[in-house]
Amino acid sequence: AKLGATGLLSLFMTGFWLLLPPISSLYNLIGNNALDKGRLGSALQNYQRSIALNPDNKDAHYNLGTLHEDLRQFKEAEANYRIAIQGGVPKAYNNLGR
């Protein structure tokens, strides 16, 4: 019984771990929608959630950098642009250059 329960828990945890990148992308999209509607606080929270779930989400880092730039938080914007550049986001080069 213990072996079966441990196996089931391991299977569940592995499945959840595999779903983190798609969930991260979903939060990134929700952040984009919030930003389009002018809800900056909601966009900020969703981008941060996206990155918390998948620190390698280069698009979320780029979007968070853009939001920080709009909020005139240039150090935070720069840090996120640099991460996006490491992920290969060409637009981040342009924004960092500004």
Protein backbone atom coordinates (compact mmCIF):
# COMPACT_ATOMS: atom_id res chain seq x y z
CA ALA A 1 0.00 0.00 0.00
CA LYS A 2 2.83 2.39 0.88
CA LEU A 3 4.64 1.60 -2.34
CA GLY A 4 1.49 2.20 -4.36
CA ALA A 5 0.80 5.50 -2.61
CA THR A 6 4.39 6.62 -3.12
CA GLY A 7 4.24 5.68 -6.78
CA LEU A 8 0.98 7.54 -7.28
CA LEU A 9 2.34 10.63 -5.54
CA SER A 10 5.49 10.49 -7.67
CA LEU A 11 3.42 10.20 -10.83
CA PHE A 12 1.23 13.13 -9.78
CA MET A 13 4.24 15.31 -8.94
CA THR A 14 5.97 14.48 -12.23
CA GLY A 15 2.82 15.36 -14.15
CA PHE A 16 2.46 18.63 -12.29
CA TRP A 17 6.12 19.47 -12.89
CA LEU A 18 5.65 18.87 -16.63
CA LEU A 19 2.67 21.23 -16.67
CA LEU A 20 4.57 24.19 -15.16
CA PRO A 21 5.83 25.66 -18.48
CA PRO A 22 2.36 25.72 -20.10
CA ILE A 23 0.85 27.21 -16.94
CA SER A 24 3.63 29.81 -16.96
CA SER A 25 2.79 30.71 -20.56
CA LEU A 26 -0.86 31.07 -19.60
CA TYR A 27 0.00 33.55 -16.84
CA ASN A 28 2.12 35.46 -19.35
CA LEU A 29 -0.88 35.72 -21.70
CA ILE A 30 -3.13 36.83 -18.85
CA GLY A 31 -0.54 39.50 -18.04
CA ASN A 32 -0.58 40.67 -21.66
CA ASN A 33 -4.38 40.94 -21.59
CA ALA A 34 -4.28 42.89 -18.33
CA LEU A 35 -1.67 45.24 -19.77
CA ASP A 36 -3.81 45.81 -22.88
CA LYS A 37 -6.67 46.83 -20.58
CA GLY A 38 -4.44 49.21 -18.61
CA ARG A 39 -4.38 47.13 -15.43
CA LEU A 40 -0.68 47.46 -14.68
CA GLY A 41 -0.82 45.91 -11.20
CA SER A 42 -2.53 42.81 -12.48
CA ALA A 43 -0.10 42.54 -15.39
CA LEU A 44 2.85 42.84 -13.01
CA GLN A 45 1.48 40.09 -10.75
CA ASN A 46 0.81 37.74 -13.64
CA TYR A 47 4.25 38.23 -15.19
CA GLN A 48 5.82 37.58 -11.81
CA ARG A 49 3.72 34.42 -11.36
CA SER A 50 4.74 33.28 -14.82
CA ILE A 51 8.41 33.68 -13.96
CA ALA A 52 7.96 32.04 -10.56
CA LEU A 53 6.53 28.94 -12.26
CA ASN A 54 9.13 28.91 -15.03
CA PRO A 55 12.20 31.11 -14.52
CA ASP A 56 13.27 30.28 -18.10
CA ASN A 57 10.19 31.91 -19.65
CA LYS A 58 12.00 34.44 -21.83
CA ASP A 59 8.81 36.07 -23.09
CA ALA A 60 7.60 36.76 -19.55
CA HIS A 61 10.96 38.34 -18.70
CA TYR A 62 10.74 40.53 -21.80
CA ASN A 63 7.18 41.57 -21.01
CA LEU A 64 8.06 42.27 -17.38
CA GLY A 65 11.02 44.35 -18.55
CA THR A 66 8.75 46.37 -20.82
CA LEU A 67 6.30 46.95 -17.98
CA HIS A 68 9.10 48.03 -15.63
CA GLU A 69 10.34 50.40 -18.33
CA ASP A 70 6.84 51.89 -18.65
CA LEU A 71 6.82 52.33 -14.86
CA ARG A 72 10.25 54.03 -15.10
CA GLN A 73 11.87 51.27 -13.02
CA PHE A 74 14.90 51.07 -15.24
CA LYS A 75 17.13 48.78 -13.16
CA GLU A 76 14.41 46.13 -12.98
CA ALA A 77 13.72 46.55 -16.70
CA GLU A 78 17.40 46.11 -17.52
CA ALA A 79 17.68 42.95 -15.42
CA ASN A 80 14.68 41.37 -17.17
CA TYR A 81 15.87 42.41 -20.63
CA ARG A 82 19.24 40.79 -19.96
CA ILE A 83 17.52 37.51 -19.04
CA ALA A 84 15.35 37.73 -22.16
CA ILE A 85 18.48 38.30 -24.27
CA GLN A 86 20.01 35.12 -22.86
CA GLY A 87 16.86 33.35 -24.02
CA GLY A 88 17.24 34.77 -27.54
CA VAL A 89 14.56 37.47 -27.66
CA PRO A 90 15.74 39.94 -30.35
CA LYS A 91 13.39 42.74 -29.24
CA ALA A 92 15.12 42.75 -25.86
CA TYR A 93 18.36 43.88 -27.50
CA ASN A 94 16.62 46.93 -28.88
CA ASN A 95 14.93 47.81 -25.61
CA LEU A 96 18.12 47.34 -23.61
CA GLY A 97 19.96 49.57 -26.07
CA ARG A 98 17.53 52.38 -25.35
